[in-house]
Every structure is written in C-alpha cells, then in structure tokens.
C-alpha atoms as a PDB file:
ATOM      1  CA  MET A   1     -14.256   8.964 -19.324  1.00  0.00           C
ATOM      2  CA  LEU A   2     -14.365  13.099 -18.658  1.00  0.00           C
ATOM      3  CA  THR A   3     -14.989  11.677 -15.162  1.00  0.00           C
ATOM      4  CA  ALA A   4     -11.682   9.954 -14.594  1.00  0.00           C
ATOM      5  CA  LEU A   5      -9.583  11.904 -15.910  1.00  0.00           C
ATOM      6  CA  ALA A   6     -10.852  15.565 -13.655  1.00  0.00           C
ATOM      7  CA  LEU A   7      -9.973  12.760 -10.656  1.00  0.00           C
ATOM      8  CA  LEU A   8      -6.461  11.941 -11.667  1.00  0.00           C
ATOM      9  CA  ALA A   9      -5.554  15.681 -12.147  1.00  0.00           C
ATOM     10  CA  THR A  10      -7.826  16.598  -8.282  1.00  0.00           C
ATOM     11  CA  ASP A  11      -4.053  18.261  -6.303  1.00  0.00           C
ATOM     12  CA  VAL A  12      -3.452  16.528  -3.675  1.00  0.00           C
ATOM     13  CA  VAL A  13      -2.397  19.316  -1.763  1.00  0.00           C
ATOM     14  CA  ALA A  14      -4.493  22.817  -1.598  1.00  0.00           C
ATOM     15  CA  GLU A  15      -3.876  25.896  -3.007  1.00  0.00           C
ATOM     16  CA  ASP A  16      -4.010  27.340   0.470  1.00  0.00           C
ATOM     17  CA  CYS A  17      -0.945  24.964   1.920  1.00  0.00           C
ATOM     18  CA  THR A  18      -3.816  22.512   3.321  1.00  0.00           C
ATOM     19  CA  LEU A  19      -4.333  18.746   3.599  1.00  0.00           C
ATOM     20  CA  ASP A  20      -7.852  17.683   4.835  1.00  0.00           C
ATOM     21  CA  GLY A  21      -7.758  21.057   6.396  1.00  0.00           C
ATOM     22  CA  ILE A  22      -4.167  21.089   8.172  1.00  0.00           C
ATOM     23  CA  PRO A  23      -1.511  23.836   6.768  1.00  0.00           C
ATOM     24  CA  LEU A  24       1.201  21.557   5.698  1.00  0.00           C
ATOM     25  CA  TYR A  25       3.564  24.208   7.194  1.00  0.00           C
ATOM     26  CA  GLY A  26       5.241  24.931  11.025  1.00  0.00           C
ATOM     27  CA  GLU A  27       6.461  21.915  13.681  1.00  0.00           C
ATOM     28  CA  VAL A  28       6.406  18.594  12.828  1.00  0.00           C
ATOM     29  CA  GLU A  29       7.024  14.901  14.193  1.00  0.00           C
ATOM     30  CA  ILE A  30       8.148  11.996  13.277  1.00  0.00           C
ATOM     31  CA  VAL A  31       5.902   8.584  14.562  1.00  0.00           C
ATOM     32  CA  GLU A  32       5.594   5.484  13.351  1.00  0.00           C
ATOM     33  CA  HIS A  33       1.776   5.236  14.089  1.00  0.00           C
ATOM     34  CA  PHE A  34      -1.095   6.959  14.148  1.00  0.00           C
ATOM     35  CA  ALA A  35       0.357  10.124  11.901  1.00  0.00           C
ATOM     36  CA  ASP A  36      -1.725  12.358  10.638  1.00  0.00           C
ATOM     37  CA  PHE A  37      -0.259  12.052   7.471  1.00  0.00           C
ATOM     38  CA  GLN A  38       1.509   8.990   5.433  1.00  0.00           C
ATOM     39  CA  VAL A  39       4.382  10.642   3.781  1.00  0.00           C
ATOM     40  CA  GLN A  40       6.826   9.143   0.528  1.00  0.00           C
ATOM     41  CA  VAL A  41       9.470  10.865   0.072  1.00  0.00           C
ATOM     42  CA  VAL A  42      10.557  10.875  -4.026  1.00  0.00           C
ATOM     43  CA  THR A  43      13.050  12.917  -5.887  1.00  0.00           C
ATOM     44  CA  SER A  44      10.264  13.923  -8.888  1.00  0.00           C
ATOM     45  CA  PHE A  45       7.014  14.511  -9.048  1.00  0.00           C
ATOM     46  CA  PRO A  46       6.316  15.581  -5.271  1.00  0.00           C
ATOM     47  CA  ASP A  47       2.983  16.889  -4.136  1.00  0.00           C
ATOM     48  CA  LEU A  48       4.398  19.348  -1.951  1.00  0.00           C
ATOM     49  CA  LYS A  49       8.300  20.547  -1.897  1.00  0.00           C
ATOM     50  CA  VAL A  50       9.581  20.856   1.558  1.00  0.00           C
ATOM     51  CA  GLU A  51      12.545  22.864   3.208  1.00  0.00           C
ATOM     52  CA  THR A  52      13.748  21.889   6.831  1.00  0.00           C
ATOM     53  CA  VAL A  53      14.216  24.904   8.977  1.00  0.00           C
ATOM     54  CA  SER A  54      15.307  25.436  12.976  1.00  0.00           C
ATOM     55  CA  SER A  55      12.647  28.660  13.211  1.00  0.00           C
ATOM     56  CA  PHE A  56       9.703  30.341  12.358  1.00  0.00           C
ATOM     57  CA  PRO A  57       8.129  28.011   9.514  1.00  0.00           C
ATOM     58  CA  ASP A  58       5.250  29.869   8.635  1.00  0.00           C
ATOM     59  CA  ASP A  59       5.789  29.298   5.050  1.00  0.00           C
ATOM     60  CA  CYS A  60       4.432  26.553   2.842  1.00  0.00           C
ATOM     61  CA  GLY A  61       6.496  23.250   3.300  1.00  0.00           C
ATOM     62  CA  GLU A  62       8.498  24.596   5.980  1.00  0.00           C
ATOM     63  CA  TRP A  63       8.628  22.327   8.415  1.00  0.00           C
ATOM     64  CA  GLU A  64      10.873  21.884  11.334  1.00  0.00           C
ATOM     65  CA  PHE A  65      11.105  18.818  12.881  1.00  0.00           C
ATOM     66  CA  VAL A  66      10.295  18.580  16.605  1.00  0.00           C
ATOM     67  CA  ASP A  67       9.794  15.821  19.628  1.00  0.00           C
ATOM     68  CA  SER A  68       6.693  17.194  21.084  1.00  0.00           C
ATOM     69  CA  PHE A  69       3.623  19.445  20.837  1.00  0.00           C
ATOM     70  CA  PRO A  70       3.909  19.166  16.725  1.00  0.00           C
ATOM     71  CA  ASP A  71       1.508  21.173  14.927  1.00  0.00           C
ATOM     72  CA  PHE A  72       0.939  17.964  12.628  1.00  0.00           C
ATOM     73  CA  THR A  73       2.608  14.341  12.127  1.00  0.00           C
ATOM     74  CA  ILE A  74       3.973  12.118   9.451  1.00  0.00           C
ATOM     75  CA  GLU A  75       5.019   8.717   9.058  1.00  0.00           C
ATOM     76  CA  PHE A  76       7.748   8.038   6.604  1.00  0.00           C
ATOM     77  CA  VAL A  77       5.971   4.926   4.436  1.00  0.00           C
ATOM     78  CA  GLU A  78       7.021   3.413   1.032  1.00  0.00           C
ATOM     79  CA  SER A  79       4.254   3.052  -0.588  1.00  0.00           C
ATOM     80  CA  PHE A  80      -0.107   4.139  -0.898  1.00  0.00           C
ATOM     81  CA  PRO A  81       1.417   7.987   0.932  1.00  0.00           C
ATOM     82  CA  ASP A  82      -1.157  10.453   1.626  1.00  0.00           C
ATOM     83  CA  LEU A  83       1.406  12.958   0.344  1.00  0.00           C
ATOM     84  CA  LYS A  84       4.674  12.991  -1.542  1.00  0.00           C
ATOM     85  CA  ILE A  85       7.493  15.340  -0.467  1.00  0.00           C
ATOM     86  CA  GLU A  86      10.635  16.245  -2.385  1.00  0.00           C
ATOM     87  CA  PHE A  87      13.111  17.895   0.205  1.00  0.00           C
ATOM     88  CA  VAL A  88      14.638  21.129  -0.874  1.00  0.00           C
ATOM     89  CA  GLU A  89      17.604  23.641   0.217  1.00  0.00           C
ATOM     90  CA  SER A  90      15.342  26.319  -1.149  1.00  0.00           C
ATOM     91  CA  PHE A  91      12.009  27.298  -2.861  1.00  0.00           C
ATOM     92  CA  PRO A  92       9.522  25.426  -1.216  1.00  0.00           C
ATOM     93  CA  GLY A  93       5.920  24.719  -1.407  1.00  0.00           C
ATOM     94  CA  LEU A  94       3.674  23.542  -4.544  1.00  0.00           C
ATOM     95  CA  PRO A  95       5.746  22.622  -7.169  1.00  0.00           C
END
C-alpha cells in the first residue's frame, strides 16, 4: 500500500527540470509522429508551466517554437501524455 502511494507521489519532471534526461527548456518543434514527448495542455495541475518566448529559452519551462533543429520535439495529445503543461504569461517552470 505504501509503495503504491509513493508511486502516485512521484513527480514527472525531475528537480533539475528534465524528463528522461532531456532539459525541458529550449527550442521545441511540434511534430505529428515520433515526438520525444507526448504533451497534453491543461488548465490545472500541470507537471510544468510553459512560457513561450521568442529568444533565449534558457530557463526551466521557457520554450521557443521552431520549425527545424529543435532541442526536443513534442506531439500534442488529448490523453495518456508523457507530460502535462499549462501555458503561462510569466513564472514558467515547476509548479
């Protein structure tokens, strides 16, 4: 029972703002297949708060959307995501 509760409490995003060893900031490309992460946009209880920036996406949760040479790729999904995000205007990062 305690093990099950511990698994439920496990954070998706590591304290160093990575998921599966990939930093969750930088240049991001939206793809339809074979993405690094499947992402669901939510309005509450996100794993990561994301702010869209136009340059220097150097801090946790800062994403600059690009069409080529991304740091990682995402695919938007409605269910069973690897990561739940909430778009914010300020204070990106871990909730």
